[in-house]
């Protein structure tokens, strides 16, 4: 088993956004409150050894949504 640290930086005009983190295309952590301009770290413990991917989707105060590129590890 391994622990992934999903680390992402949020950039938006809204002061706070809500982010969902996906691991292996499944929702892993929902509604992660993230301040704009800060780096957010979401631990994903207990993953089996092997190839995995993760991404983050964030929504700002007016409902605009942005998605990260998918990263593999």
C-alpha atoms as a PDB file:
ATOM      1  CA  UNK A   1       0.000   0.000   0.000  1.00  0.00           C
ATOM      2  CA  UNK A   2       1.092   3.552  -0.670  1.00  0.00           C
ATOM      3  CA  UNK A   3      -0.050   7.102   0.116  1.00  0.00           C
ATOM      4  CA  UNK A   4      -0.359   9.682  -2.620  1.00  0.00           C
ATOM      5  CA  UNK A   5      -0.234  13.385  -1.784  1.00  0.00           C
ATOM      6  CA  UNK A   6      -2.436  15.144  -4.353  1.00  0.00           C
ATOM      7  CA  UNK A   7      -0.998  18.671  -4.464  1.00  0.00           C
ATOM      8  CA  UNK A   8      -2.544  21.456  -6.542  1.00  0.00           C
ATOM      9  CA  UNK A   9      -2.544  25.247  -6.726  1.00  0.00           C
ATOM     10  CA  UNK A  10      -5.843  27.066  -7.228  1.00  0.00           C
ATOM     11  CA  UNK A  11      -5.998  30.261  -9.270  1.00  0.00           C
ATOM     12  CA  UNK A  12      -9.295  32.159  -9.599  1.00  0.00           C
ATOM     13  CA  UNK A  13     -10.813  35.605  -9.067  1.00  0.00           C
ATOM     14  CA  UNK A  14     -13.044  34.213  -6.295  1.00  0.00           C
ATOM     15  CA  UNK A  15     -11.374  34.136  -2.860  1.00  0.00           C
ATOM     16  CA  UNK A  16     -12.440  30.538  -2.143  1.00  0.00           C
ATOM     17  CA  UNK A  17     -13.303  27.614  -4.394  1.00  0.00           C
ATOM     18  CA  UNK A  18     -14.620  24.104  -3.755  1.00  0.00           C
ATOM     19  CA  UNK A  19     -12.535  21.286  -5.239  1.00  0.00           C
ATOM     20  CA  UNK A  20     -13.180  17.601  -5.791  1.00  0.00           C
ATOM     21  CA  UNK A  21     -10.209  15.247  -6.069  1.00  0.00           C
ATOM     22  CA  UNK A  22     -10.444  12.119  -8.214  1.00  0.00           C
ATOM     23  CA  UNK A  23      -8.111   9.128  -7.921  1.00  0.00           C
ATOM     24  CA  UNK A  24      -8.270   6.526 -10.691  1.00  0.00           C
ATOM     25  CA  UNK A  25     -11.238   8.489 -12.117  1.00  0.00           C
ATOM     26  CA  UNK A  26     -13.349   7.900  -8.971  1.00  0.00           C
ATOM     27  CA  UNK A  27     -14.326  10.681  -6.569  1.00  0.00           C
ATOM     28  CA  UNK A  28     -11.930  10.472  -3.661  1.00  0.00           C
ATOM     29  CA  UNK A  29     -12.375  13.736  -1.704  1.00  0.00           C
ATOM     30  CA  UNK A  30     -15.371  16.014  -2.276  1.00  0.00           C
ATOM     31  CA  UNK A  31     -15.849  19.691  -1.457  1.00  0.00           C
ATOM     32  CA  UNK A  32     -12.300  20.512  -0.415  1.00  0.00           C
ATOM     33  CA  UNK A  33     -12.492  24.207   0.508  1.00  0.00           C
ATOM     34  CA  UNK A  34      -9.448  25.872  -1.018  1.00  0.00           C
ATOM     35  CA  UNK A  35      -8.389  29.512  -0.843  1.00  0.00           C
ATOM     36  CA  UNK A  36      -7.380  31.005  -4.174  1.00  0.00           C
ATOM     37  CA  UNK A  37      -3.617  31.365  -4.562  1.00  0.00           C
ATOM     38  CA  UNK A  38      -2.807  28.625  -2.088  1.00  0.00           C
ATOM     39  CA  UNK A  39      -1.527  25.111  -2.543  1.00  0.00           C
ATOM     40  CA  UNK A  40      -3.839  22.357  -1.314  1.00  0.00           C
ATOM     41  CA  UNK A  41      -2.570  18.906  -0.332  1.00  0.00           C
ATOM     42  CA  UNK A  42      -5.035  16.017  -0.115  1.00  0.00           C
ATOM     43  CA  UNK A  43      -3.590  12.704   1.124  1.00  0.00           C
ATOM     44  CA  UNK A  44      -4.839   9.526  -0.540  1.00  0.00           C
ATOM     45  CA  UNK A  45      -3.670   6.663   1.705  1.00  0.00           C
ATOM     46  CA  UNK A  46      -4.050   2.936   1.192  1.00  0.00           C
ATOM     47  CA  UNK A  47      -3.620   2.735  -2.571  1.00  0.00           C
ATOM     48  CA  UNK A  48      -2.348  -0.594  -3.873  1.00  0.00           C
ATOM     49  CA  UNK A  49       1.080  -0.557  -5.541  1.00  0.00           C
ATOM     50  CA  UNK A  50       0.917   0.127  -9.266  1.00  0.00           C
ATOM     51  CA  UNK A  51       0.028   2.832 -11.773  1.00  0.00           C
ATOM     52  CA  UNK A  52      -2.616   5.361 -10.688  1.00  0.00           C
ATOM     53  CA  UNK A  53      -3.883   8.750 -11.846  1.00  0.00           C
ATOM     54  CA  UNK A  54      -5.473  11.730 -10.140  1.00  0.00           C
ATOM     55  CA  UNK A  55      -7.034  15.081 -11.012  1.00  0.00           C
ATOM     56  CA  UNK A  56      -8.871  17.971  -9.371  1.00  0.00           C
ATOM     57  CA  UNK A  57     -12.024  19.783 -10.465  1.00  0.00           C
ATOM     58  CA  UNK A  58     -12.797  23.114  -8.803  1.00  0.00           C
ATOM     59  CA  UNK A  59     -15.890  25.335  -8.829  1.00  0.00           C
ATOM     60  CA  UNK A  60     -15.816  29.023  -7.906  1.00  0.00           C
ATOM     61  CA  UNK A  61     -18.448  31.179  -6.185  1.00  0.00           C
ATOM     62  CA  UNK A  62     -20.350  31.917  -9.418  1.00  0.00           C
ATOM     63  CA  UNK A  63     -20.411  28.267 -10.510  1.00  0.00           C
ATOM     64  CA  UNK A  64     -17.601  28.315 -13.073  1.00  0.00           C
ATOM     65  CA  UNK A  65     -15.737  25.014 -13.129  1.00  0.00           C
ATOM     66  CA  UNK A  66     -12.106  24.309 -13.937  1.00  0.00           C
ATOM     67  CA  UNK A  67     -10.281  21.009 -14.186  1.00  0.00           C
ATOM     68  CA  UNK A  68      -6.649  20.069 -13.821  1.00  0.00           C
ATOM     69  CA  UNK A  69      -4.828  17.850 -16.224  1.00  0.00           C
ATOM     70  CA  UNK A  70      -4.763  14.228 -15.162  1.00  0.00           C
ATOM     71  CA  UNK A  71      -1.478  13.237 -13.499  1.00  0.00           C
ATOM     72  CA  UNK A  72      -0.106   9.695 -13.281  1.00  0.00           C
ATOM     73  CA  UNK A  73       2.132   8.188 -10.634  1.00  0.00           C
END
